[in-house]
C-alpha atoms as a PDB file:
ATOM      1  CA  UNK A   1     -30.425  14.121   7.295  1.00  0.00           C
ATOM      2  CA  UNK A   2     -27.640  16.717   6.814  1.00  0.00           C
ATOM      3  CA  UNK A   3     -26.812  16.444   9.799  1.00  0.00           C
ATOM      4  CA  UNK A   4     -26.539  12.999   9.839  1.00  0.00           C
ATOM      5  CA  UNK A   5     -24.716  13.435   6.393  1.00  0.00           C
ATOM      6  CA  UNK A   6     -22.027  15.608   7.615  1.00  0.00           C
ATOM      7  CA  UNK A   7     -21.801  13.741  11.044  1.00  0.00           C
ATOM      8  CA  UNK A   8     -20.606  10.544   8.580  1.00  0.00           C
ATOM      9  CA  UNK A   9     -18.162  12.515   6.888  1.00  0.00           C
ATOM     10  CA  UNK A  10     -16.580  13.659   9.712  1.00  0.00           C
ATOM     11  CA  UNK A  11     -16.204  10.353  11.321  1.00  0.00           C
ATOM     12  CA  UNK A  12     -14.938   8.980   8.039  1.00  0.00           C
ATOM     13  CA  UNK A  13     -12.183  11.826   8.001  1.00  0.00           C
ATOM     14  CA  UNK A  14     -11.256  11.323  11.751  1.00  0.00           C
ATOM     15  CA  UNK A  15     -10.730   7.758  10.691  1.00  0.00           C
ATOM     16  CA  UNK A  16      -8.526   8.557   7.679  1.00  0.00           C
ATOM     17  CA  UNK A  17      -6.845  10.924   9.571  1.00  0.00           C
ATOM     18  CA  UNK A  18      -5.748   8.447  12.791  1.00  0.00           C
ATOM     19  CA  UNK A  19      -5.198   5.908   9.759  1.00  0.00           C
ATOM     20  CA  UNK A  20      -2.346   8.077   8.489  1.00  0.00           C
ATOM     21  CA  UNK A  21      -1.188   9.251  11.992  1.00  0.00           C
ATOM     22  CA  UNK A  22      -0.687   5.719  13.397  1.00  0.00           C
ATOM     23  CA  UNK A  23       0.760   4.586   9.905  1.00  0.00           C
ATOM     24  CA  UNK A  24       3.278   7.428   9.874  1.00  0.00           C
ATOM     25  CA  UNK A  25       4.621   6.399  13.907  1.00  0.00           C
ATOM     26  CA  UNK A  26       5.228   2.911  12.581  1.00  0.00           C
ATOM     27  CA  UNK A  27       7.456   4.068  10.002  1.00  0.00           C
ATOM     28  CA  UNK A  28       9.237   6.346  12.268  1.00  0.00           C
ATOM     29  CA  UNK A  29       9.587   3.589  14.987  1.00  0.00           C
ATOM     30  CA  UNK A  30      11.063   1.417  12.054  1.00  0.00           C
ATOM     31  CA  UNK A  31      13.684   3.874  11.120  1.00  0.00           C
ATOM     32  CA  UNK A  32      14.428   4.760  14.993  1.00  0.00           C
ATOM     33  CA  UNK A  33      14.441   1.645  16.539  1.00  0.00           C
ATOM     34  CA  UNK A  34      15.692  -1.131  13.574  1.00  0.00           C
ATOM     35  CA  UNK A  35      17.116   0.732  10.178  1.00  0.00           C
ATOM     36  CA  UNK A  36      19.089   3.240  11.723  1.00  0.00           C
ATOM     37  CA  UNK A  37      20.852   1.409  14.727  1.00  0.00           C
ATOM     38  CA  UNK A  38      21.461  -1.708  12.242  1.00  0.00           C
ATOM     39  CA  UNK A  39      22.599   0.611   9.494  1.00  0.00           C
ATOM     40  CA  UNK A  40      20.355  -0.610   7.275  1.00  0.00           C
ATOM     41  CA  UNK A  41      19.608   1.673   4.193  1.00  0.00           C
ATOM     42  CA  UNK A  42      16.143   0.926   2.958  1.00  0.00           C
ATOM     43  CA  UNK A  43      16.138   3.381   0.469  1.00  0.00           C
ATOM     44  CA  UNK A  44      13.578   6.564   0.403  1.00  0.00           C
ATOM     45  CA  UNK A  45      14.624   9.812   2.042  1.00  0.00           C
ATOM     46  CA  UNK A  46      15.000   8.002   5.523  1.00  0.00           C
ATOM     47  CA  UNK A  47      17.636   5.907   3.961  1.00  0.00           C
ATOM     48  CA  UNK A  48      19.473   8.710   2.762  1.00  0.00           C
ATOM     49  CA  UNK A  49      19.319  10.438   5.786  1.00  0.00           C
ATOM     50  CA  UNK A  50      20.825   7.719   7.345  1.00  0.00           C
ATOM     51  CA  UNK A  51      23.611   7.668   5.267  1.00  0.00           C
ATOM     52  CA  UNK A  52      24.040  11.454   6.040  1.00  0.00           C
ATOM     53  CA  UNK A  53      24.118  11.169   9.755  1.00  0.00           C
ATOM     54  CA  UNK A  54      26.491   8.157   9.396  1.00  0.00           C
ATOM     55  CA  UNK A  55      29.025  10.660   7.010  1.00  0.00           C
ATOM     56  CA  UNK A  56      28.598  13.771   9.125  1.00  0.00           C
ATOM     57  CA  UNK A  57      29.967  12.681  12.252  1.00  0.00           C
ATOM     58  CA  UNK A  58      33.315  15.119  11.492  1.00  0.00           C
ATOM     59  CA  UNK A  59      30.486  17.929  11.028  1.00  0.00           C
ATOM     60  CA  UNK A  60      27.843  17.188  13.783  1.00  0.00           C
ATOM     61  CA  UNK A  61      28.611  15.335  16.860  1.00  0.00           C
ATOM     62  CA  UNK A  62      26.679  11.700  16.042  1.00  0.00           C
ATOM     63  CA  UNK A  63      25.977  13.364  12.952  1.00  0.00           C
ATOM     64  CA  UNK A  64      23.005  14.794  11.366  1.00  0.00           C
ATOM     65  CA  UNK A  65      19.728  14.145  13.030  1.00  0.00           C
ATOM     66  CA  UNK A  66      17.620  11.786  10.437  1.00  0.00           C
ATOM     67  CA  UNK A  67      14.580  14.032  11.281  1.00  0.00           C
ATOM     68  CA  UNK A  68      16.528  17.332  10.784  1.00  0.00           C
ATOM     69  CA  UNK A  69      17.882  16.169   7.190  1.00  0.00           C
ATOM     70  CA  UNK A  70      14.193  14.854   6.641  1.00  0.00           C
ATOM     71  CA  UNK A  71      12.907  18.468   7.441  1.00  0.00           C
ATOM     72  CA  UNK A  72      15.091  19.988   5.320  1.00  0.00           C
ATOM     73  CA  UNK A  73      14.722  17.857   2.168  1.00  0.00           C
ATOM     74  CA  UNK A  74      11.011  17.789   1.991  1.00  0.00           C
ATOM     75  CA  UNK A  75      10.378  21.491   2.158  1.00  0.00           C
ATOM     76  CA  UNK A  76      11.916  22.220  -1.328  1.00  0.00           C
ATOM     77  CA  UNK A  77       9.800  19.302  -2.612  1.00  0.00           C
ATOM     78  CA  UNK A  78       6.767  20.309  -0.896  1.00  0.00           C
ATOM     79  CA  UNK A  79       7.165  23.715  -1.995  1.00  0.00           C
ATOM     80  CA  UNK A  80       7.559  22.236  -5.331  1.00  0.00           C
ATOM     81  CA  UNK A  81       4.579  20.185  -5.123  1.00  0.00           C
ATOM     82  CA  UNK A  82       1.895  22.357  -3.761  1.00  0.00           C
ATOM     83  CA  UNK A  83       2.338  24.393  -6.756  1.00  0.00           C
ATOM     84  CA  UNK A  84       2.257  21.528  -9.241  1.00  0.00           C
ATOM     85  CA  UNK A  85      -0.704  19.599  -7.363  1.00  0.00           C
ATOM     86  CA  UNK A  86      -2.237  22.296  -5.387  1.00  0.00           C
ATOM     87  CA  UNK A  87      -2.503  22.919  -1.414  1.00  0.00           C
ATOM     88  CA  UNK A  88      -5.750  20.559  -0.892  1.00  0.00           C
ATOM     89  CA  UNK A  89      -4.281  17.594  -2.624  1.00  0.00           C
ATOM     90  CA  UNK A  90      -1.076  17.596  -0.568  1.00  0.00           C
ATOM     91  CA  UNK A  91      -2.897  17.936   3.033  1.00  0.00           C
ATOM     92  CA  UNK A  92      -2.782  14.012   3.789  1.00  0.00           C
ATOM     93  CA  UNK A  93       0.805  13.963   2.968  1.00  0.00           C
ATOM     94  CA  UNK A  94       1.372  17.243   4.541  1.00  0.00           C
ATOM     95  CA  UNK A  95      -0.105  15.408   7.682  1.00  0.00           C
ATOM     96  CA  UNK A  96       1.500  11.987   7.287  1.00  0.00           C
ATOM     97  CA  UNK A  97       4.958  13.720   7.097  1.00  0.00           C
ATOM     98  CA  UNK A  98       4.739  16.081  10.174  1.00  0.00           C
ATOM     99  CA  UNK A  99       3.530  12.836  12.343  1.00  0.00           C
ATOM    100  CA  UNK A 100       6.608  11.049  10.870  1.00  0.00           C
ATOM    101  CA  UNK A 101       9.071  13.899  11.387  1.00  0.00           C
ATOM    102  CA  UNK A 102       7.675  14.365  15.348  1.00  0.00           C
ATOM    103  CA  UNK A 103       7.561  11.067  15.999  1.00  0.00           C
ATOM    104  CA  UNK A 104      11.290  10.311  14.929  1.00  0.00           C
ATOM    105  CA  UNK A 105      12.390  13.758  16.708  1.00  0.00           C
ATOM    106  CA  UNK A 106      10.299  13.038  20.013  1.00  0.00           C
ATOM    107  CA  UNK A 107      11.401   9.102  19.852  1.00  0.00           C
ATOM    108  CA  UNK A 108      15.158   8.415  21.153  1.00  0.00           C
ATOM    109  CA  UNK A 109      16.987   5.973  18.663  1.00  0.00           C
ATOM    110  CA  UNK A 110      17.556   2.566  20.535  1.00  0.00           C
ATOM    111  CA  UNK A 111      19.303  -0.412  19.463  1.00  0.00           C
ATOM    112  CA  UNK A 112      17.987  -3.651  20.190  1.00  0.00           C
ATOM    113  CA  UNK A 113      21.144  -5.516  19.474  1.00  0.00           C
ATOM    114  CA  UNK A 114      19.680  -7.495  17.213  1.00  0.00           C
ATOM    115  CA  UNK A 115      22.389 -10.268  16.417  1.00  0.00           C
ATOM    116  CA  UNK A 116      21.024 -11.795  13.334  1.00  0.00           C
ATOM    117  CA  UNK A 117      20.424  -9.036  10.256  1.00  0.00           C
ATOM    118  CA  UNK A 118      18.067 -11.147   8.720  1.00  0.00           C
ATOM    119  CA  UNK A 119      15.953 -10.747  12.238  1.00  0.00           C
ATOM    120  CA  UNK A 120      16.136  -7.148  12.212  1.00  0.00           C
ATOM    121  CA  UNK A 121      15.067  -7.087   8.284  1.00  0.00           C
ATOM    122  CA  UNK A 122      12.523  -8.558   9.012  1.00  0.00           C
ATOM    123  CA  UNK A 123      10.972  -7.250  12.083  1.00  0.00           C
ATOM    124  CA  UNK A 124      11.883  -3.624  10.540  1.00  0.00           C
ATOM    125  CA  UNK A 125      10.590  -4.346   7.686  1.00  0.00           C
ATOM    126  CA  UNK A 126       7.063  -5.853   9.053  1.00  0.00           C
ATOM    127  CA  UNK A 127       6.685  -2.995  11.206  1.00  0.00           C
ATOM    128  CA  UNK A 128       7.598  -0.471   8.478  1.00  0.00           C
ATOM    129  CA  UNK A 129       5.019  -2.228   5.711  1.00  0.00           C
ATOM    130  CA  UNK A 130       2.075  -1.902   8.163  1.00  0.00           C
ATOM    131  CA  UNK A 131       2.745   1.726   8.549  1.00  0.00           C
ATOM    132  CA  UNK A 132       3.074   2.251   4.985  1.00  0.00           C
ATOM    133  CA  UNK A 133       0.177  -0.187   3.972  1.00  0.00           C
ATOM    134  CA  UNK A 134      -1.914   2.168   6.488  1.00  0.00           C
ATOM    135  CA  UNK A 135      -0.745   5.623   5.327  1.00  0.00           C
ATOM    136  CA  UNK A 136      -1.436   4.321   1.379  1.00  0.00           C
ATOM    137  CA  UNK A 137      -4.992   3.032   2.198  1.00  0.00           C
ATOM    138  CA  UNK A 138      -6.036   6.831   3.274  1.00  0.00           C
ATOM    139  CA  UNK A 139      -4.182   8.082  -0.337  1.00  0.00           C
ATOM    140  CA  UNK A 140      -1.218   9.763   1.541  1.00  0.00           C
ATOM    141  CA  UNK A 141       2.199   9.394   1.768  1.00  0.00           C
ATOM    142  CA  UNK A 142       5.377  10.389   3.826  1.00  0.00           C
ATOM    143  CA  UNK A 143       6.339  12.673   1.336  1.00  0.00           C
ATOM    144  CA  UNK A 144      10.339  12.195   0.693  1.00  0.00           C
ATOM    145  CA  UNK A 145      11.234  10.330  -2.838  1.00  0.00           C
ATOM    146  CA  UNK A 146       7.327   9.089  -3.132  1.00  0.00           C
ATOM    147  CA  UNK A 147       7.030  13.477  -3.603  1.00  0.00           C
ATOM    148  CA  UNK A 148      10.372  13.499  -5.719  1.00  0.00           C
ATOM    149  CA  UNK A 149       9.323  10.710  -8.183  1.00  0.00           C
ATOM    150  CA  UNK A 150       5.754  12.116  -8.616  1.00  0.00           C
ATOM    151  CA  UNK A 151       7.690  15.815  -9.340  1.00  0.00           C
ATOM    152  CA  UNK A 152       9.831  14.212 -11.781  1.00  0.00           C
ATOM    153  CA  UNK A 153       6.999  12.338 -13.222  1.00  0.00           C
ATOM    154  CA  UNK A 154       5.247  15.922 -13.722  1.00  0.00           C
ATOM    155  CA  UNK A 155       7.909  16.946 -16.147  1.00  0.00           C
ATOM    156  CA  UNK A 156       9.062  14.003 -17.735  1.00  0.00           C
ATOM    157  CA  UNK A 157       5.872  12.333 -18.894  1.00  0.00           C
ATOM    158  CA  UNK A 158       7.109   9.707 -20.518  1.00  0.00           C
ATOM    159  CA  UNK A 159       8.468   7.894 -17.612  1.00  0.00           C
ATOM    160  CA  UNK A 160       6.252   6.268 -15.077  1.00  0.00           C
ATOM    161  CA  UNK A 161       6.500   7.193 -11.306  1.00  0.00           C
ATOM    162  CA  UNK A 162       6.977   3.451 -10.183  1.00  0.00           C
ATOM    163  CA  UNK A 163      10.263   3.496 -12.345  1.00  0.00           C
ATOM    164  CA  UNK A 164      11.377   6.701 -11.158  1.00  0.00           C
ATOM    165  CA  UNK A 165      11.088   5.597  -7.658  1.00  0.00           C
ATOM    166  CA  UNK A 166      12.635   2.036  -8.183  1.00  0.00           C
ATOM    167  CA  UNK A 167      15.933   4.375  -9.902  1.00  0.00           C
ATOM    168  CA  UNK A 168      15.960   6.846  -6.725  1.00  0.00           C
ATOM    169  CA  UNK A 169      15.847   3.918  -4.045  1.00  0.00           C
ATOM    170  CA  UNK A 170      17.984   1.940  -6.054  1.00  0.00           C
ATOM    171  CA  UNK A 171      20.473   4.476  -6.074  1.00  0.00           C
ATOM    172  CA  UNK A 172      20.171   5.287  -2.139  1.00  0.00           C
ATOM    173  CA  UNK A 173      20.566   1.502  -1.380  1.00  0.00           C
ATOM    174  CA  UNK A 174      23.491   1.162  -3.616  1.00  0.00           C
ATOM    175  CA  UNK A 175      25.109   4.413  -1.748  1.00  0.00           C
ATOM    176  CA  UNK A 176      24.493   2.455   1.637  1.00  0.00           C
ATOM    177  CA  UNK A 177      26.451  -0.205   0.348  1.00  0.00           C
ATOM    178  CA  UNK A 178      29.334   1.875  -0.276  1.00  0.00           C
ATOM    179  CA  UNK A 179      29.069   3.319   3.566  1.00  0.00           C
ATOM    180  CA  UNK A 180      27.915   0.099   5.582  1.00  0.00           C
ATOM    181  CA  UNK A 181      29.015  -2.528   3.358  1.00  0.00           C
ATOM    182  CA  UNK A 182      27.100  -4.803   0.784  1.00  0.00           C
ATOM    183  CA  UNK A 183      26.518  -7.568   3.303  1.00  0.00           C
ATOM    184  CA  UNK A 184      23.845  -4.307   5.555  1.00  0.00           C
ATOM    185  CA  UNK A 185      22.631  -3.432   1.702  1.00  0.00           C
ATOM    186  CA  UNK A 186      21.554  -7.045   1.048  1.00  0.00           C
ATOM    187  CA  UNK A 187      19.810  -6.917   4.565  1.00  0.00           C
ATOM    188  CA  UNK A 188      18.162  -3.944   3.255  1.00  0.00           C
ATOM    189  CA  UNK A 189      16.582  -5.163   0.095  1.00  0.00           C
ATOM    190  CA  UNK A 190      15.495  -8.028   1.892  1.00  0.00           C
ATOM    191  CA  UNK A 191      13.744  -5.432   4.617  1.00  0.00           C
ATOM    192  CA  UNK A 192      12.339  -3.756   1.666  1.00  0.00           C
ATOM    193  CA  UNK A 193      10.855  -6.415  -0.053  1.00  0.00           C
ATOM    194  CA  UNK A 194       9.090  -7.393   3.337  1.00  0.00           C
ATOM    195  CA  UNK A 195       7.814  -3.855   3.752  1.00  0.00           C
ATOM    196  CA  UNK A 196       6.427  -3.798  -0.024  1.00  0.00           C
ATOM    197  CA  UNK A 197       4.513  -7.287   0.640  1.00  0.00           C
ATOM    198  CA  UNK A 198       3.068  -6.449   4.089  1.00  0.00           C
ATOM    199  CA  UNK A 199       2.310  -3.168   2.841  1.00  0.00           C
ATOM    200  CA  UNK A 200       0.793  -4.487  -0.468  1.00  0.00           C
ATOM    201  CA  UNK A 201      -1.060  -7.131   1.801  1.00  0.00           C
ATOM    202  CA  UNK A 202      -2.876  -4.272   3.913  1.00  0.00           C
ATOM    203  CA  UNK A 203      -3.660  -2.227   0.992  1.00  0.00           C
ATOM    204  CA  UNK A 204      -4.858  -5.003  -1.460  1.00  0.00           C
ATOM    205  CA  UNK A 205      -6.807  -6.996   1.507  1.00  0.00           C
ATOM    206  CA  UNK A 206      -8.991  -4.505   2.643  1.00  0.00           C
ATOM    207  CA  UNK A 207     -10.459  -4.837  -1.359  1.00  0.00           C
ATOM    208  CA  UNK A 208      -9.798  -8.291  -2.178  1.00  0.00           C
ATOM    209  CA  UNK A 209     -12.554 -10.727  -3.662  1.00  0.00           C
ATOM    210  CA  UNK A 210     -13.254 -13.547  -5.855  1.00  0.00           C
ATOM    211  CA  UNK A 211     -14.663 -13.332  -9.241  1.00  0.00           C
ATOM    212  CA  UNK A 212     -16.653 -15.992 -10.810  1.00  0.00           C
ATOM    213  CA  UNK A 213     -18.017 -17.072 -14.016  1.00  0.00           C
ATOM    214  CA  UNK A 214     -20.680 -20.220 -14.880  1.00  0.00           C
ATOM    215  CA  UNK A 215     -21.408 -21.435 -17.714  1.00  0.00           C
ATOM    216  CA  UNK A 216     -24.343 -23.699 -17.614  1.00  0.00           C
ATOM    217  CA  UNK A 217     -27.676 -24.343 -19.434  1.00  0.00           C
ATOM    218  CA  UNK A 218     -29.433 -23.728 -16.245  1.00  0.00           C
ATOM    219  CA  UNK A 219     -27.974 -20.221 -15.726  1.00  0.00           C
ATOM    220  CA  UNK A 220     -31.266 -19.122 -14.645  1.00  0.00           C
ATOM    221  CA  UNK A 221     -31.962 -21.260 -11.229  1.00  0.00           C
ATOM    222  CA  UNK A 222     -28.744 -20.676 -10.277  1.00  0.00           C
ATOM    223  CA  UNK A 223     -28.932 -17.174 -10.560  1.00  0.00           C
ATOM    224  CA  UNK A 224     -32.098 -16.947  -8.467  1.00  0.00           C
ATOM    225  CA  UNK A 225     -30.058 -19.146  -6.276  1.00  0.00           C
ATOM    226  CA  UNK A 226     -27.592 -16.927  -5.828  1.00  0.00           C
ATOM    227  CA  UNK A 227     -29.384 -14.118  -5.248  1.00  0.00           C
ATOM    228  CA  UNK A 228     -31.408 -15.370  -2.679  1.00  0.00           C
ATOM    229  CA  UNK A 229     -29.204 -17.474  -1.430  1.00  0.00           C
ATOM    230  CA  UNK A 230     -26.183 -15.364  -1.179  1.00  0.00           C
ATOM    231  CA  UNK A 231     -27.829 -11.768  -1.842  1.00  0.00           C
ATOM    232  CA  UNK A 232     -25.334 -11.354  -4.368  1.00  0.00           C
ATOM    233  CA  UNK A 233     -25.934  -9.288  -8.019  1.00  0.00           C
ATOM    234  CA  UNK A 234     -25.195 -11.390 -11.092  1.00  0.00           C
ATOM    235  CA  UNK A 235     -25.047 -10.658 -14.546  1.00  0.00           C
ATOM    236  CA  UNK A 236     -25.598 -12.809 -17.535  1.00  0.00           C
ATOM    237  CA  UNK A 237     -23.632 -12.448 -20.332  1.00  0.00           C
ATOM    238  CA  UNK A 238     -24.547 -13.606 -24.069  1.00  0.00           C
ATOM    239  CA  UNK A 239     -21.948 -16.250 -25.027  1.00  0.00           C
ATOM    240  CA  UNK A 240     -21.410 -18.639 -27.716  1.00  0.00           C
ATOM    241  CA  UNK A 241     -20.176 -22.409 -27.222  1.00  0.00           C
ATOM    242  CA  UNK A 242     -17.974 -22.323 -30.150  1.00  0.00           C
ATOM    243  CA  UNK A 243     -17.600 -26.297 -30.576  1.00  0.00           C
ATOM    244  CA  UNK A 244     -21.732 -26.455 -30.227  1.00  0.00           C
ATOM    245  CA  UNK A 245     -22.626 -23.462 -31.888  1.00  0.00           C
ATOM    246  CA  UNK A 246     -25.109 -23.162 -28.904  1.00  0.00           C
ATOM    247  CA  UNK A 247     -26.264 -19.421 -27.685  1.00  0.00           C
ATOM    248  CA  UNK A 248     -26.312 -19.535 -23.586  1.00  0.00           C
ATOM    249  CA  UNK A 249     -25.793 -17.078 -20.898  1.00  0.00           C
ATOM    250  CA  UNK A 250     -22.573 -17.127 -18.784  1.00  0.00           C
ATOM    251  CA  UNK A 251     -23.150 -15.877 -15.560  1.00  0.00           C
ATOM    252  CA  UNK A 252     -20.769 -13.337 -13.877  1.00  0.00           C
ATOM    253  CA  UNK A 253     -20.573 -12.409 -10.041  1.00  0.00           C
ATOM    254  CA  UNK A 254     -18.261 -11.064  -7.694  1.00  0.00           C
ATOM    255  CA  UNK A 255     -18.007 -12.234  -4.010  1.00  0.00           C
ATOM    256  CA  UNK A 256     -15.893 -12.067  -0.786  1.00  0.00           C
ATOM    257  CA  UNK A 257     -13.209 -14.973  -0.636  1.00  0.00           C
ATOM    258  CA  UNK A 258     -15.488 -16.732   1.839  1.00  0.00           C
ATOM    259  CA  UNK A 259     -18.599 -16.851  -0.366  1.00  0.00           C
ATOM    260  CA  UNK A 260     -16.676 -18.370  -3.607  1.00  0.00           C
ATOM    261  CA  UNK A 261     -17.244 -21.774  -2.104  1.00  0.00           C
ATOM    262  CA  UNK A 262     -20.740 -21.243  -1.868  1.00  0.00           C
ATOM    263  CA  UNK A 263     -21.249 -20.123  -4.897  1.00  0.00           C
ATOM    264  CA  UNK A 264     -19.464 -23.367  -6.628  1.00  0.00           C
ATOM    265  CA  UNK A 265     -21.622 -25.574  -4.319  1.00  0.00           C
ATOM    266  CA  UNK A 266     -24.687 -23.557  -5.634  1.00  0.00           C
ATOM    267  CA  UNK A 267     -23.780 -24.108  -9.463  1.00  0.00           C
ATOM    268  CA  UNK A 268     -22.741 -27.638  -8.846  1.00  0.00           C
ATOM    269  CA  UNK A 269     -25.873 -28.690  -6.861  1.00  0.00           C
ATOM    270  CA  UNK A 270     -28.330 -27.272  -9.737  1.00  0.00           C
ATOM    271  CA  UNK A 271     -25.755 -28.506 -12.597  1.00  0.00           C
ATOM    272  CA  UNK A 272     -23.270 -30.917 -12.229  1.00  0.00           C
ATOM    273  CA  UNK A 273     -21.928 -30.159 -15.338  1.00  0.00           C
ATOM    274  CA  UNK A 274     -21.320 -26.599 -14.888  1.00  0.00           C
ATOM    275  CA  UNK A 275     -18.334 -24.824 -16.104  1.00  0.00           C
ATOM    276  CA  UNK A 276     -16.744 -22.469 -13.110  1.00  0.00           C
ATOM    277  CA  UNK A 277     -13.627 -20.319 -13.947  1.00  0.00           C
ATOM    278  CA  UNK A 278     -12.803 -18.192 -10.744  1.00  0.00           C
ATOM    279  CA  UNK A 279     -10.287 -15.336 -10.393  1.00  0.00           C
ATOM    280  CA  UNK A 280      -8.751 -13.165  -7.699  1.00  0.00           C
ATOM    281  CA  UNK A 281     -10.011  -9.151  -7.726  1.00  0.00           C
ATOM    282  CA  UNK A 282      -7.479  -6.721  -6.684  1.00  0.00           C
ATOM    283  CA  UNK A 283     -10.256  -4.089  -5.894  1.00  0.00           C
ATOM    284  CA  UNK A 284     -13.941  -3.767  -5.548  1.00  0.00           C
ATOM    285  CA  UNK A 285     -16.107  -0.582  -5.041  1.00  0.00           C
ATOM    286  CA  UNK A 286     -19.552  -0.396  -5.500  1.00  0.00           C
ATOM    287  CA  UNK A 287     -22.973  -1.949  -3.272  1.00  0.00           C
ATOM    288  CA  UNK A 288     -21.905  -4.828  -0.926  1.00  0.00           C
ATOM    289  CA  UNK A 289     -18.155  -3.915  -1.017  1.00  0.00           C
ATOM    290  CA  UNK A 290     -16.163  -0.935  -0.237  1.00  0.00           C
ATOM    291  CA  UNK A 291     -18.236   2.352  -1.449  1.00  0.00           C
ATOM    292  CA  UNK A 292     -15.862   5.233  -3.214  1.00  0.00           C
ATOM    293  CA  UNK A 293     -15.314   8.098  -0.628  1.00  0.00           C
ATOM    294  CA  UNK A 294     -13.712  11.439  -2.220  1.00  0.00           C
END
């Protein structure tokens, strides 16, 4: 039993590290193959590195490499974060950052010469979003401004991390507008929007479900049909109709997106007058869905 449990933990850890690795590689490819060649400053440490590379041409032939600036910037952030959060908490971030930097260092910057900046921003945002979503789904990051925002929040608890991150990234995009022009900055914002939507879809899509409330006098029959037909748990909540002043059970059930249609069919077939409320559920953990693992 212990051997099986240990093997399962190793498989989970391997899958998690592989997800972080692939995600970090995709993020680095988006920077080297699209954002940097097209001058799209999409915020984050990578965006700042693109600006620094552009303005340091007179100091360094071709400018300071993005990967080098990323390493130099992350070192002090990691030292502070390790002191605040502990080395164990930072392992996933270290892995993501290491793969991210190594990929940018190994993969040469190549300009695909997109004639349309909109197409470049959409493609770059999508690739970056997939990578970011994979990294976030494994509870990791690639350091940079995410780490900086976390550190600032540790010293200023009254300001939330997302707000801090928004101000930092906004300042970097504004800086990019001065260096590469307003048009590039606006297209960079489109890339950021696409990246955020894609990454959110990946992270939330893994745990997305539907929640149904069913009000009916035939609640016992409906609950039994759901439990036997779909093998889903149902909870009966005590409720009172304020118009009729009648006590009854209101059924509460969380199911997958595909099963919500069957829930409605079951309820309506038993009681055509049943009242059904369906809501989106962003995250579900527990039996029948995603199990929580530390």
